[in-house]
Amino acid sequence: MFARFFKDESGATAIEYGLIAAATGLALVAVMPGIGTALETTFGAVSAEL
């Protein structure tokens, strides 16, 4: 029973997907402020031209 429990890897995939999702979330949090500033500048320039 214990040997079968230690060989069971069914939860490993879920943990890996969780880590990938967490890393993606952290990357988005790091990048979004820069994208927001760039978009604000672009829309400001378009608004001024109109």
Protein backbone atom coordinates (compact mmCIF):
# COMPACT_ATOMS: atom_id res chain seq x y z
CA MET A 1 0.00 0.00 0.00
CA PHE A 2 2.76 2.49 0.90
CA ALA A 3 4.84 1.55 -2.13
CA ARG A 4 1.87 2.22 -4.41
CA PHE A 5 1.28 5.57 -2.65
CA PHE A 6 4.90 6.70 -3.17
CA LYS A 7 4.89 5.63 -6.84
CA ASP A 8 1.67 7.54 -7.58
CA GLU A 9 2.55 10.63 -9.63
CA SER A 10 -0.97 11.77 -10.55
CA GLY A 11 -0.69 14.99 -8.54
CA ALA A 12 2.68 15.97 -10.01
CA THR A 13 1.14 17.25 -13.24
CA ALA A 14 -1.33 19.45 -11.37
CA ILE A 15 1.49 20.93 -9.31
CA GLU A 16 3.53 21.62 -12.44
CA TYR A 17 0.59 23.37 -14.09
CA GLY A 18 0.09 25.41 -10.93
CA LEU A 19 3.72 26.51 -10.96
CA ILE A 20 3.48 27.48 -14.63
CA ALA A 21 0.32 29.50 -13.95
CA ALA A 22 1.99 31.26 -11.00
CA ALA A 23 5.07 32.12 -13.09
CA THR A 24 2.86 33.45 -15.90
CA GLY A 25 0.92 35.57 -13.43
CA LEU A 26 4.09 37.04 -11.97
CA ALA A 27 5.40 37.85 -15.46
CA LEU A 28 2.14 39.61 -16.34
CA VAL A 29 2.21 41.64 -13.13
CA ALA A 30 5.75 42.73 -13.94
CA VAL A 31 5.02 43.66 -17.58
CA MET A 32 1.56 45.26 -17.37
CA PRO A 33 2.58 48.65 -15.89
CA GLY A 34 4.95 49.25 -18.80
CA ILE A 35 2.33 48.27 -21.36
CA GLY A 36 -0.24 50.52 -19.68
CA THR A 37 2.13 53.50 -19.86
CA ALA A 38 2.90 52.84 -23.52
CA LEU A 39 -0.79 52.57 -24.38
CA GLU A 40 -1.59 55.74 -22.47
CA THR A 41 1.10 57.59 -24.43
CA THR A 42 -0.13 56.22 -27.75
CA PHE A 43 -3.77 57.04 -27.11
CA GLY A 44 -2.77 60.49 -25.83
CA ALA A 45 -0.91 61.19 -29.06
CA VAL A 46 -3.85 59.97 -31.17
CA SER A 47 -6.26 62.08 -29.13
CA ALA A 48 -4.08 65.18 -29.56
CA GLU A 49 -3.96 64.66 -33.36
CA LEU A 50 -7.73 64.34 -33.56
